[in-house]
Amino acid sequence: MNVKNSSGLWVALLGGVLLWAGWPSSPLTLLLFVAWVPLLHLAETTSSWKRFFGLSYISLLIWNILTTWWITKASIPGGISAFLANSLIMCLPWLAYFFTRKFLNRLIAGLSLIVYWMTFEWMHLNWELSWPWLTLGNAFALHPNWVQWYEYTGVAGGSLWILLSNVLVHNVFLRYQEEGRSPGYFKLAAAWVLTLGVPVILSVLTKQNLTLEHNKYNVVIVQPNYDPWDTKFAAGKEEMQLQELIALSQKQMDANTALVVWPETAVPYAVLEDQLKENRFLTPLWAFLRDYPHMNLLTGLEGRRLFPTRVSRYAQKLPDGGFVEGYNSAALFDSATIQIYHKSKLVPGPEVLPAFLGFMGPLFEKFGGTMGGYARDTTGRVLQTANHTFNITPAICYESIYGGYLSTFNQKGANLICVITNDGWWGNTPGYRQHMQYARLRAIESRKWVARSANTGISCFIDPYGNIIQQLPWNRKGVLKQTVAAFVSETFYTRHGDWLFCMAAIAALAFLLFLLYKTFFRKRQSTQKTS
């Protein structure tokens, strides 16, 4: 390997390491404001698109592996496939930028990179193999005081902030190399400083304009702490788990407890959803609800429904000729009624696979999933407590990283976000910590309280500013109680969703059309010259 090739490789590695080093739960978030500069440098100094593609792929693969290595706890082949595929898709906006910059000045070309990348993030939020864990705007979850303006932009604003900073600092360095301390250099440097500082100032001003409300009703969240690989789904231990969930709940309940929240799949049985009241295994649960008629229970369960014919590709055929659909469900119970929501944003691999990847089903079946995949609700379903105290957004596990999707619940009158999850599959890794931190951004976007019940942790209450008010640590059994307000107002973001991503997609389309035109025009000129 010659010196030039070796230098490019080290630059690519540096970019991947910087992205990882600035990601939650690392405190080095500021690194992200310069973490893309190595790839911008490679785009500037590499003449071959194939070489640039290879170097950018290495950089993005390093970022994916170092930041989300813990997904291999589910399946090593599945995790490796995710690293390779996600890194490949991430290269597409960089390749589009590499070609676009040939026809535009550096600063305008840098703007094309911003909208290309944001369009990629938006698409990654909305297709079947969705994996928005590394959306750049998620990186500020550790610093809610920096991004109180997410109530207007959602995480798209954070992605724009990071990308714009990187484009500007790269241009500052290049301008200094070319012109020294020229007026142009100082203008770009000033623009970069303003880019870093103005959003923080806006965040402080936004927060000062908020007023928290209070009421007398409280919410109780339970963390049972069952190992999903060993205890939780072990045959013969279901009744013990259910009784312990009830006992833990009763430790903190009082006359003002309007809602108790149990984690994802807390009901340790696969149950027919239209026969819940007849299910003898749930007799202790119904007795518990009758003893506390003023209280509502939100719990996760693994639901089933029977059908005489196949109703979807997820329905599995039974020996009697009928079909059964499986769901990862959230159920709201009171002493008389049941409301059920089926998880809609499903985890690629364990919970859903496109038809062309169906052969990978056995790799994920043991990871709390099904061979055929779960069916889903096609729209957000607000769960309303019997006394009308809370209208609940039921975010089941992975769904809590979809700000735009959760905003649709707020548009329907939701006033409390309840996250129910089981992060024990990942073990004591950065995965569960990142997942909890992301929930803080949902609180800011919607200005709603978040009650988060996690099987093995971290269970917590998060206020509408994104501050963690109470929490239970990882791998500890416990219960929390918190008086929370039911906020009915909407934010700009919950009214309009991912509007900023949509605007970026329109701009990206314009850049791509320009790129196609210039490429076609240049080829036509070349043909005319040779003819």
Protein backbone atom coordinates (compact mmCIF):
# COMPACT_ATOMS: atom_id res chain seq x y z
CA MET A 1 0.00 0.00 0.00
CA ASN A 2 1.46 3.37 -0.98
CA VAL A 3 1.54 6.38 1.36
CA LYS A 4 -1.43 8.08 -0.27
CA ASN A 5 -3.66 5.00 0.02
CA SER A 6 -2.60 4.46 3.62
CA SER A 7 -3.37 8.09 4.49
CA GLY A 8 -6.89 7.82 3.06
CA LEU A 9 -7.57 4.69 5.08
CA TRP A 10 -6.49 6.35 8.32
CA VAL A 11 -8.69 9.35 7.58
CA ALA A 12 -11.66 7.02 7.00
CA LEU A 13 -10.99 5.20 10.26
CA LEU A 14 -10.74 8.52 12.09
CA GLY A 15 -14.17 9.56 10.81
CA GLY A 16 -15.82 6.39 12.05
CA VAL A 17 -14.17 6.63 15.47
CA LEU A 18 -15.19 10.29 15.90
CA LEU A 19 -18.82 9.47 15.15
CA TRP A 20 -18.78 6.65 17.70
CA ALA A 21 -16.93 8.70 20.33
CA GLY A 22 -19.57 11.43 20.23
CA TRP A 23 -22.59 9.14 20.41
CA PRO A 24 -24.71 8.53 23.55
CA SER A 25 -23.96 7.51 26.15
CA SER A 26 -20.54 9.14 25.64
CA PRO A 27 -20.23 12.68 27.09
CA LEU A 28 -18.13 13.76 24.07
CA THR A 29 -21.10 14.94 22.01
CA LEU A 30 -19.22 18.02 20.75
CA LEU A 31 -17.07 15.73 18.59
CA LEU A 32 -20.04 15.25 16.27
CA PHE A 33 -19.78 18.86 15.15
CA VAL A 34 -16.53 17.93 13.38
CA ALA A 35 -16.90 14.15 12.95
CA TRP A 36 -17.89 14.33 9.27
CA VAL A 37 -14.86 16.44 8.33
CA PRO A 38 -12.68 13.37 7.53
CA LEU A 39 -15.20 12.16 4.93
CA LEU A 40 -15.56 15.68 3.53
CA HIS A 41 -11.77 15.78 3.22
CA LEU A 42 -11.76 12.44 1.40
CA ALA A 43 -14.41 13.67 -1.02
CA GLU A 44 -12.23 16.72 -1.69
CA THR A 45 -8.98 14.81 -2.24
CA THR A 46 -10.14 11.56 -3.90
CA SER A 47 -10.54 11.53 -7.67
CA SER A 48 -12.04 8.06 -8.10
CA TRP A 49 -15.63 7.54 -7.00
CA LYS A 50 -14.92 3.84 -6.47
CA ARG A 51 -12.10 4.62 -4.05
CA PHE A 52 -14.22 7.21 -2.26
CA PHE A 53 -17.04 4.69 -1.98
CA GLY A 54 -14.68 2.13 -0.44
CA LEU A 55 -13.25 4.60 2.07
CA SER A 56 -16.64 6.01 3.06
CA TYR A 57 -17.98 2.48 3.47
CA ILE A 58 -15.13 1.63 5.85
CA SER A 59 -15.77 4.80 7.87
CA LEU A 60 -19.51 4.21 8.16
CA LEU A 61 -19.02 0.51 8.93
CA ILE A 62 -16.72 1.43 11.82
CA TRP A 63 -19.39 3.80 13.16
CA ASN A 64 -22.12 1.16 12.88
CA ILE A 65 -20.10 -1.58 14.55
CA LEU A 66 -18.69 0.47 17.41
CA THR A 67 -22.01 2.14 18.20
CA THR A 68 -24.48 -0.74 17.79
CA TRP A 69 -22.34 -3.85 18.28
CA TRP A 70 -24.76 -4.97 20.99
CA ILE A 71 -27.41 -6.01 18.43
CA THR A 72 -25.35 -9.15 17.85
CA LYS A 73 -26.66 -10.26 21.25
CA ALA A 74 -29.85 -11.14 19.36
CA SER A 75 -28.20 -12.90 16.45
CA ILE A 76 -24.60 -12.72 15.32
CA PRO A 77 -25.43 -13.39 11.63
CA GLY A 78 -28.33 -10.93 11.82
CA GLY A 79 -26.17 -8.28 13.49
CA ILE A 80 -23.40 -8.63 10.93
CA SER A 81 -25.96 -8.39 8.12
CA ALA A 82 -27.34 -5.21 9.68
CA PHE A 83 -23.88 -3.62 9.93
CA LEU A 84 -23.03 -4.41 6.33
CA ALA A 85 -26.39 -3.38 4.86
CA ASN A 86 -26.85 -0.19 6.89
CA SER A 87 -23.33 1.02 6.10
CA LEU A 88 -23.95 0.37 2.40
CA ILE A 89 -27.17 2.40 2.41
CA MET A 90 -25.43 5.22 4.29
CA CYS A 91 -22.94 5.51 1.43
CA LEU A 92 -25.65 6.58 -1.03
CA PRO A 93 -25.99 10.22 0.13
CA TRP A 94 -22.20 10.51 0.22
CA LEU A 95 -21.88 9.22 -3.35
CA ALA A 96 -24.57 11.67 -4.47
CA TYR A 97 -22.56 14.46 -2.80
CA PHE A 98 -19.31 13.25 -4.42
CA PHE A 99 -20.81 13.62 -7.90
CA THR A 100 -22.73 16.83 -7.16
CA ARG A 101 -19.67 18.71 -5.87
CA LYS A 102 -18.08 18.47 -9.34
CA PHE A 103 -20.62 21.00 -10.66
CA LEU A 104 -21.01 23.38 -7.69
CA ASN A 105 -18.84 25.43 -5.36
CA ARG A 106 -17.91 23.84 -2.06
CA LEU A 107 -20.48 25.58 0.11
CA ILE A 108 -23.45 24.87 -2.16
CA ALA A 109 -22.24 21.31 -2.65
CA GLY A 110 -22.07 21.02 1.14
CA LEU A 111 -25.73 22.02 1.31
CA SER A 112 -26.48 19.18 -1.10
CA LEU A 113 -24.81 16.74 1.29
CA ILE A 114 -27.00 18.04 4.13
CA VAL A 115 -30.25 17.44 2.27
CA TYR A 116 -29.07 14.13 0.80
CA TRP A 117 -28.25 12.81 4.27
CA MET A 118 -31.46 14.12 5.85
CA THR A 119 -33.46 12.51 3.04
CA PHE A 120 -31.72 9.22 3.79
CA GLU A 121 -32.64 9.58 7.48
CA TRP A 122 -36.27 10.33 6.57
CA MET A 123 -36.47 7.29 4.30
CA HIS A 124 -34.90 5.16 7.02
CA LEU A 125 -37.76 6.19 9.30
CA ASN A 126 -40.42 5.02 6.89
CA TRP A 127 -39.53 1.82 5.04
CA GLU A 128 -39.87 -1.78 6.15
CA LEU A 129 -36.20 -2.25 7.06
CA SER A 130 -36.30 0.93 9.13
CA TRP A 131 -33.31 1.44 11.43
CA PRO A 132 -33.22 5.10 12.58
CA TRP A 133 -31.10 4.38 15.67
CA LEU A 134 -28.23 6.42 14.20
CA THR A 135 -30.29 9.43 13.11
CA LEU A 136 -27.88 12.26 13.88
CA GLY A 137 -30.45 14.27 15.85
CA ASN A 138 -30.65 11.44 18.41
CA ALA A 139 -27.15 12.34 19.55
CA PHE A 140 -28.40 15.23 21.72
CA ALA A 141 -30.43 12.95 23.99
CA LEU A 142 -27.83 13.45 26.74
CA HIS A 143 -28.20 17.22 26.47
CA PRO A 144 -31.90 18.14 26.44
CA ASN A 145 -31.05 21.71 27.44
CA TRP A 146 -29.35 22.18 24.05
CA VAL A 147 -32.37 21.15 21.98
CA GLN A 148 -35.54 22.46 23.60
CA TRP A 149 -36.43 23.69 20.10
CA TYR A 150 -37.10 20.07 19.11
CA GLU A 151 -40.72 20.98 19.89
CA TYR A 152 -40.57 22.72 16.48
CA THR A 153 -38.23 20.55 14.42
CA GLY A 154 -37.94 17.11 16.02
CA VAL A 155 -34.64 15.29 15.57
CA ALA A 156 -34.38 16.57 11.99
CA GLY A 157 -33.29 19.89 13.47
CA GLY A 158 -30.46 18.18 15.32
CA SER A 159 -29.31 16.41 12.17
CA LEU A 160 -29.31 19.74 10.32
CA TRP A 161 -27.30 21.33 13.15
CA ILE A 162 -24.57 18.67 13.06
CA LEU A 163 -24.33 18.54 9.26
CA LEU A 164 -24.23 22.33 8.83
CA SER A 165 -21.48 22.61 11.44
CA ASN A 166 -19.35 20.01 9.65
CA VAL A 167 -19.81 21.64 6.24
CA LEU A 168 -18.87 25.04 7.62
CA VAL A 169 -15.82 23.90 9.58
CA HIS A 170 -14.54 22.02 6.53
CA ASN A 171 -14.93 25.17 4.42
CA VAL A 172 -13.19 27.23 7.13
CA PHE A 173 -10.14 24.93 7.01
CA LEU A 174 -9.98 24.96 3.23
CA ARG A 175 -10.39 28.74 3.04
CA TYR A 176 -7.56 29.16 5.57
CA GLN A 177 -5.30 26.85 3.54
CA GLU A 178 -6.02 28.77 0.34
CA GLU A 179 -6.22 32.37 1.56
CA GLY A 180 -4.86 32.51 5.09
CA ARG A 181 -6.65 34.95 7.41
CA SER A 182 -8.64 36.61 4.67
CA PRO A 183 -12.00 38.35 5.09
CA GLY A 184 -13.67 35.30 3.55
CA TYR A 185 -12.04 33.06 6.14
CA PHE A 186 -13.24 35.22 9.04
CA LYS A 187 -16.78 35.34 7.64
CA LEU A 188 -16.96 31.56 7.43
CA ALA A 189 -15.43 31.18 10.90
CA ALA A 190 -18.01 33.59 12.32
CA ALA A 191 -20.81 31.67 10.58
CA TRP A 192 -19.55 28.45 12.18
CA VAL A 193 -19.43 29.99 15.66
CA LEU A 194 -22.98 31.30 15.23
CA THR A 195 -24.09 27.89 14.00
CA LEU A 196 -22.79 26.33 17.20
CA GLY A 197 -24.09 28.99 19.59
CA VAL A 198 -27.43 30.27 18.30
CA PRO A 199 -29.35 26.95 18.72
CA VAL A 200 -28.26 26.73 22.37
CA ILE A 201 -29.45 30.31 22.99
CA LEU A 202 -32.77 29.53 21.30
CA SER A 203 -33.06 26.42 23.47
CA VAL A 204 -32.69 28.49 26.66
CA LEU A 205 -35.27 31.01 25.49
CA THR A 206 -37.70 28.26 24.47
CA LYS A 207 -37.44 26.54 27.85
CA GLN A 208 -38.06 29.78 29.75
CA ASN A 209 -41.43 30.16 28.02
CA LEU A 210 -42.77 26.85 29.36
CA THR A 211 -44.86 26.37 32.48
CA LEU A 212 -45.37 22.96 34.05
CA GLU A 213 -48.80 22.06 35.34
CA HIS A 214 -49.66 19.64 38.12
CA ASN A 215 -52.60 17.53 39.18
CA LYS A 216 -53.35 15.09 41.96
CA TYR A 217 -53.17 11.87 39.95
CA ASN A 218 -50.09 9.67 39.98
CA VAL A 219 -48.68 6.92 37.82
CA VAL A 220 -46.90 3.80 39.10
CA ILE A 221 -44.31 2.01 36.93
CA VAL A 222 -42.99 -1.47 37.66
CA GLN A 223 -39.60 -2.98 36.80
CA PRO A 224 -39.85 -6.76 37.47
CA ASN A 225 -36.29 -7.53 36.28
CA TYR A 226 -36.69 -10.94 34.66
CA ASP A 227 -33.87 -12.18 32.43
CA PRO A 228 -35.49 -12.71 29.00
CA TRP A 229 -32.86 -15.29 28.05
CA ASP A 230 -33.51 -17.41 31.13
CA THR A 231 -36.36 -16.61 33.50
CA LYS A 232 -38.99 -14.56 31.75
CA PHE A 233 -40.19 -17.02 29.13
CA ALA A 234 -39.38 -20.19 31.07
CA ALA A 235 -42.29 -22.64 31.25
CA GLY A 236 -43.84 -23.05 34.69
CA LYS A 237 -42.86 -19.61 36.03
CA GLU A 238 -45.68 -17.59 34.48
CA GLU A 239 -48.01 -17.55 37.51
CA MET A 240 -45.18 -16.50 39.83
CA GLN A 241 -44.26 -13.59 37.57
CA LEU A 242 -47.85 -12.36 37.35
CA GLN A 243 -48.31 -12.50 41.11
CA GLU A 244 -45.04 -10.63 41.65
CA LEU A 245 -46.03 -7.89 39.20
CA ILE A 246 -49.23 -7.39 41.16
CA ALA A 247 -47.42 -7.35 44.51
CA LEU A 248 -44.84 -4.83 43.29
CA SER A 249 -47.61 -2.57 41.99
CA GLN A 250 -49.44 -2.62 45.30
CA LYS A 251 -46.36 -1.36 47.16
CA GLN A 252 -46.72 2.13 45.70
CA MET A 253 -50.40 2.43 44.82
CA ASP A 254 -52.67 4.82 46.70
CA ALA A 255 -56.08 6.44 46.30
CA ASN A 256 -54.72 8.86 43.67
CA THR A 257 -53.10 6.22 41.46
CA ALA A 258 -54.84 6.48 38.11
CA LEU A 259 -52.46 4.28 36.12
CA VAL A 260 -50.06 1.38 36.68
CA VAL A 261 -47.59 0.57 33.87
CA TRP A 262 -45.96 -2.82 33.35
CA PRO A 263 -43.28 -3.48 30.69
CA GLU A 264 -43.42 -5.04 27.24
CA THR A 265 -44.71 -8.66 27.25
CA ALA A 266 -45.18 -8.40 31.03
CA VAL A 267 -48.13 -10.81 30.81
CA PRO A 268 -46.05 -13.97 30.44
CA TYR A 269 -48.47 -15.91 28.25
CA ALA A 270 -49.33 -15.96 24.57
CA VAL A 271 -53.02 -15.08 24.85
CA LEU A 272 -56.00 -14.90 22.52
CA GLU A 273 -56.97 -11.24 22.62
CA ASP A 274 -60.70 -11.82 22.24
CA GLN A 275 -60.72 -14.30 25.14
CA LEU A 276 -58.75 -12.42 27.77
CA LYS A 277 -61.53 -12.43 30.35
CA GLU A 278 -62.02 -16.19 29.93
CA ASN A 279 -58.31 -17.00 30.23
CA ARG A 280 -57.90 -18.81 33.55
CA PHE A 281 -54.22 -17.89 33.80
CA LEU A 282 -55.25 -14.22 34.02
CA THR A 283 -57.64 -14.76 36.95
CA PRO A 284 -55.22 -13.05 39.41
CA LEU A 285 -55.02 -10.02 37.13
CA TRP A 286 -58.80 -9.61 37.01
CA ALA A 287 -59.03 -9.99 40.78
CA PHE A 288 -56.38 -7.27 41.14
CA LEU A 289 -58.36 -4.91 38.89
CA ARG A 290 -61.59 -5.54 40.82
CA ASP A 291 -59.83 -4.67 44.07
CA TYR A 292 -58.82 -1.28 42.63
CA PRO A 293 -61.75 -0.12 40.47
CA HIS A 294 -60.37 3.45 40.23
CA MET A 295 -57.11 2.22 38.67
CA ASN A 296 -56.10 1.38 35.08
CA LEU A 297 -53.33 -1.04 34.08
CA LEU A 298 -51.22 -0.66 30.94
CA THR A 299 -49.25 -3.80 30.17
CA GLY A 300 -47.47 -5.49 27.34
CA LEU A 301 -48.61 -8.90 26.17
CA GLU A 302 -48.02 -11.27 23.30
CA GLY A 303 -51.40 -11.42 21.62
CA ARG A 304 -52.96 -13.84 19.17
CA ARG A 305 -56.09 -13.73 17.02
CA LEU A 306 -57.69 -16.58 15.09
CA PHE A 307 -59.07 -16.26 11.56
CA PRO A 308 -60.80 -18.75 9.25
CA THR A 309 -58.73 -17.58 6.25
CA ARG A 310 -55.33 -15.98 5.73
CA VAL A 311 -55.76 -12.25 6.39
CA SER A 312 -52.14 -11.22 5.87
CA ARG A 313 -48.76 -12.68 5.00
CA TYR A 314 -48.01 -12.77 8.73
CA ALA A 315 -50.85 -15.19 9.49
CA GLN A 316 -49.65 -18.72 10.22
CA LYS A 317 -51.63 -21.79 9.20
CA LEU A 318 -52.92 -24.04 11.99
CA PRO A 319 -53.39 -27.83 11.84
CA ASP A 320 -57.19 -27.38 11.76
CA GLY A 321 -56.94 -25.28 8.60
CA GLY A 322 -57.45 -21.91 10.31
CA PHE A 323 -54.89 -19.15 10.72
CA VAL A 324 -53.41 -17.23 13.62
CA GLU A 325 -51.83 -13.78 13.68
CA GLY A 326 -49.36 -12.77 16.37
CA TYR A 327 -48.89 -9.30 17.83
CA ASN A 328 -46.63 -7.44 20.18
CA SER A 329 -49.42 -5.66 22.02
CA ALA A 330 -50.09 -3.00 24.61
CA ALA A 331 -53.33 -3.53 26.54
CA LEU A 332 -55.08 -1.04 28.81
CA PHE A 333 -57.26 -2.79 31.39
CA ASP A 334 -59.69 -1.57 34.00
CA SER A 335 -62.11 -3.68 35.97
CA ALA A 336 -64.62 -3.71 33.10
CA THR A 337 -62.98 -2.91 29.75
CA ILE A 338 -60.00 -3.78 27.55
CA GLN A 339 -58.32 -1.60 24.91
CA ILE A 340 -55.54 -3.06 22.74
CA TYR A 341 -52.92 -1.52 20.48
CA HIS A 342 -50.65 -3.61 18.25
CA LYS A 343 -47.08 -2.44 17.83
CA SER A 344 -46.71 -0.79 14.43
CA LYS A 345 -43.00 0.07 14.16
CA LEU A 346 -41.53 -3.41 14.25
CA VAL A 347 -37.88 -4.34 14.78
CA PRO A 348 -36.33 -5.58 11.52
CA GLY A 349 -35.35 -9.21 12.03
CA PRO A 350 -37.00 -10.39 15.23
CA GLU A 351 -40.43 -8.89 14.51
CA VAL A 352 -40.66 -8.25 10.78
CA LEU A 353 -38.83 -9.18 7.59
CA PRO A 354 -39.66 -8.27 4.00
CA ALA A 355 -40.82 -11.24 1.98
CA PHE A 356 -37.49 -11.43 0.11
CA LEU A 357 -35.66 -11.90 3.44
CA GLY A 358 -38.02 -14.52 4.82
CA PHE A 359 -35.23 -17.13 4.78
CA MET A 360 -33.59 -15.28 7.71
CA GLY A 361 -36.58 -15.88 10.00
CA PRO A 362 -34.98 -18.81 11.93
CA LEU A 363 -32.03 -16.58 12.87
CA PHE A 364 -34.35 -14.34 14.90
CA GLU A 365 -37.10 -16.67 16.11
CA LYS A 366 -35.50 -17.24 19.51
CA PHE A 367 -35.20 -13.49 20.07
CA GLY A 368 -38.74 -12.95 21.27
CA GLY A 369 -40.05 -12.97 17.71
CA THR A 370 -41.90 -15.25 15.34
CA MET A 371 -40.94 -17.07 12.19
CA GLY A 372 -43.62 -15.31 10.15
CA GLY A 373 -43.27 -11.92 11.84
CA TYR A 374 -45.79 -9.91 13.80
CA ALA A 375 -48.82 -8.23 12.28
CA ARG A 376 -49.31 -4.58 13.17
CA ASP A 377 -51.77 -1.76 13.58
CA THR A 378 -51.90 0.54 10.59
CA THR A 379 -52.69 3.66 12.62
CA GLY A 380 -51.93 5.08 16.04
CA ARG A 381 -54.49 4.00 18.64
CA VAL A 382 -54.80 6.24 21.71
CA LEU A 383 -55.66 4.28 24.87
CA GLN A 384 -57.99 6.20 27.19
CA THR A 385 -58.18 5.53 30.93
CA ALA A 386 -61.63 4.85 32.36
CA ASN A 387 -61.72 8.05 34.41
CA HIS A 388 -60.50 10.10 31.42
CA THR A 389 -57.42 11.22 33.34
CA PHE A 390 -54.93 10.07 30.73
CA ASN A 391 -55.07 9.57 26.98
CA ILE A 392 -52.05 7.36 26.41
CA THR A 393 -49.55 7.11 23.58
CA PRO A 394 -48.50 3.43 23.91
CA ALA A 395 -44.92 3.29 22.60
CA ILE A 396 -43.83 -0.35 22.57
CA CYS A 397 -40.04 -0.68 22.78
CA TYR A 398 -38.52 0.30 19.40
CA GLU A 399 -41.42 2.68 18.66
CA SER A 400 -40.06 5.21 21.15
CA ILE A 401 -37.37 6.32 18.66
CA TYR A 402 -39.99 7.43 16.09
CA GLY A 403 -40.87 11.01 16.95
CA GLY A 404 -42.92 11.56 13.81
CA TYR A 405 -44.97 8.42 14.37
CA LEU A 406 -45.65 9.23 18.01
CA SER A 407 -46.76 12.73 17.02
CA THR A 408 -49.78 11.14 15.30
CA PHE A 409 -51.04 10.01 18.72
CA ASN A 410 -50.79 13.56 20.04
CA GLN A 411 -52.86 14.76 17.08
CA LYS A 412 -55.58 12.42 18.36
CA GLY A 413 -55.58 13.87 21.87
CA ALA A 414 -52.90 11.86 23.68
CA ASN A 415 -51.59 13.61 26.81
CA LEU A 416 -49.13 11.08 28.25
CA ILE A 417 -46.46 8.91 26.60
CA CYS A 418 -45.98 5.46 28.10
CA VAL A 419 -42.95 3.51 26.87
CA ILE A 420 -43.09 -0.20 27.64
CA THR A 421 -39.99 -2.15 26.71
CA ASN A 422 -37.83 -5.18 27.36
CA ASP A 423 -34.20 -4.19 26.79
CA GLY A 424 -32.85 -7.23 28.63
CA TRP A 425 -32.15 -8.95 25.31
CA TRP A 426 -29.08 -6.73 24.90
CA GLY A 427 -27.59 -7.38 28.34
CA ASN A 428 -25.54 -4.74 30.12
CA THR A 429 -24.48 -2.90 26.95
CA PRO A 430 -24.88 0.65 25.60
CA GLY A 431 -28.10 -0.43 23.85
CA TYR A 432 -30.48 -0.02 26.80
CA ARG A 433 -28.83 3.25 27.85
CA GLN A 434 -29.16 4.76 24.37
CA HIS A 435 -32.77 3.61 24.18
CA MET A 436 -33.70 5.28 27.45
CA GLN A 437 -31.96 8.53 26.52
CA TYR A 438 -33.85 8.75 23.21
CA ALA A 439 -37.14 8.85 25.14
CA ARG A 440 -36.09 12.24 26.54
CA LEU A 441 -36.35 13.66 23.01
CA ARG A 442 -39.93 12.41 22.68
CA ALA A 443 -40.84 14.37 25.82
CA ILE A 444 -39.42 17.59 24.37
CA GLU A 445 -41.00 17.13 20.94
CA SER A 446 -44.47 16.67 22.39
CA ARG A 447 -44.13 18.51 25.74
CA LYS A 448 -45.62 15.48 27.44
CA TRP A 449 -44.57 13.46 30.46
CA VAL A 450 -43.02 10.08 29.66
CA ALA A 451 -43.55 7.08 31.94
CA ARG A 452 -41.10 4.37 30.92
CA SER A 453 -41.44 0.81 32.24
CA ALA A 454 -38.55 -1.47 31.24
CA ASN A 455 -38.37 -5.11 32.27
CA THR A 456 -34.71 -5.00 33.33
CA GLY A 457 -34.25 -1.22 33.27
CA ILE A 458 -33.94 1.65 32.92
CA SER A 459 -37.46 2.52 34.12
CA CYS A 460 -38.02 6.22 34.69
CA PHE A 461 -40.22 9.30 34.61
CA ILE A 462 -39.23 12.09 32.20
CA ASP A 463 -40.76 15.56 32.42
CA PRO A 464 -41.77 17.66 29.35
CA TYR A 465 -38.34 19.34 29.36
CA GLY A 466 -36.60 15.97 28.85
CA ASN A 467 -35.31 15.85 32.45
CA ILE A 468 -35.19 12.45 34.18
CA ILE A 469 -37.14 12.92 37.42
CA GLN A 470 -36.90 9.40 38.85
CA GLN A 471 -35.26 6.23 37.58
CA LEU A 472 -34.55 2.66 38.53
CA PRO A 473 -31.07 1.41 37.61
CA TRP A 474 -30.31 -1.51 35.35
CA ASN A 475 -30.81 -5.05 36.63
CA ARG A 476 -32.78 -4.14 39.75
CA LYS A 477 -36.33 -5.04 40.75
CA GLY A 478 -38.39 -2.06 41.84
CA VAL A 479 -41.33 0.30 41.48
CA LEU A 480 -41.68 4.08 41.11
CA LYS A 481 -44.56 6.51 41.69
CA GLN A 482 -44.83 10.02 40.28
CA THR A 483 -47.55 12.65 40.10
CA VAL A 484 -47.72 13.75 36.48
CA ALA A 485 -49.75 16.29 34.53
CA ALA A 486 -51.79 15.35 31.49
CA PHE A 487 -50.85 17.97 28.90
CA VAL A 488 -53.41 18.38 26.14
CA SER A 489 -51.71 21.13 24.10
CA GLU A 490 -49.93 20.34 20.84
CA THR A 491 -46.51 21.56 19.78
CA PHE A 492 -45.61 22.73 16.29
CA TYR A 493 -43.83 19.40 15.77
CA THR A 494 -46.72 17.22 16.90
CA ARG A 495 -49.04 19.16 14.57
CA HIS A 496 -46.78 18.97 11.52
CA GLY A 497 -44.55 15.92 12.15
CA ASP A 498 -41.29 15.55 10.23
CA TRP A 499 -41.84 18.65 8.09
CA LEU A 500 -38.13 19.50 8.08
CA PHE A 501 -37.21 16.07 6.70
CA CYS A 502 -39.85 16.55 3.98
CA MET A 503 -38.37 19.92 2.99
CA ALA A 504 -34.91 18.34 2.83
CA ALA A 505 -36.27 15.61 0.56
CA ILE A 506 -37.69 18.21 -1.84
CA ALA A 507 -34.34 20.03 -1.92
CA ALA A 508 -32.50 16.73 -2.43
CA LEU A 509 -34.74 15.92 -5.38
CA ALA A 510 -33.87 19.30 -6.92
CA PHE A 511 -30.14 18.64 -6.49
CA LEU A 512 -30.50 15.17 -8.02
CA LEU A 513 -32.36 16.54 -11.02
CA PHE A 514 -29.62 19.13 -11.43
CA LEU A 515 -26.99 16.39 -11.20
CA LEU A 516 -28.76 14.27 -13.82
CA TYR A 517 -29.12 17.24 -16.13
CA LYS A 518 -25.45 18.24 -15.81
CA THR A 519 -24.28 14.65 -16.30
CA PHE A 520 -26.46 14.20 -19.39
CA PHE A 521 -25.48 17.63 -20.75
CA ARG A 522 -21.76 16.91 -20.30
CA LYS A 523 -22.08 13.52 -22.01
CA ARG A 524 -23.93 15.10 -24.94
CA GLN A 525 -21.24 17.76 -25.32
CA SER A 526 -18.56 15.09 -25.24
CA THR A 527 -20.39 13.10 -27.95
CA GLN A 528 -20.74 16.19 -30.15
CA LYS A 529 -17.02 16.95 -29.91
CA THR A 530 -16.02 13.45 -31.00
CA SER A 531 -18.48 13.29 -33.87
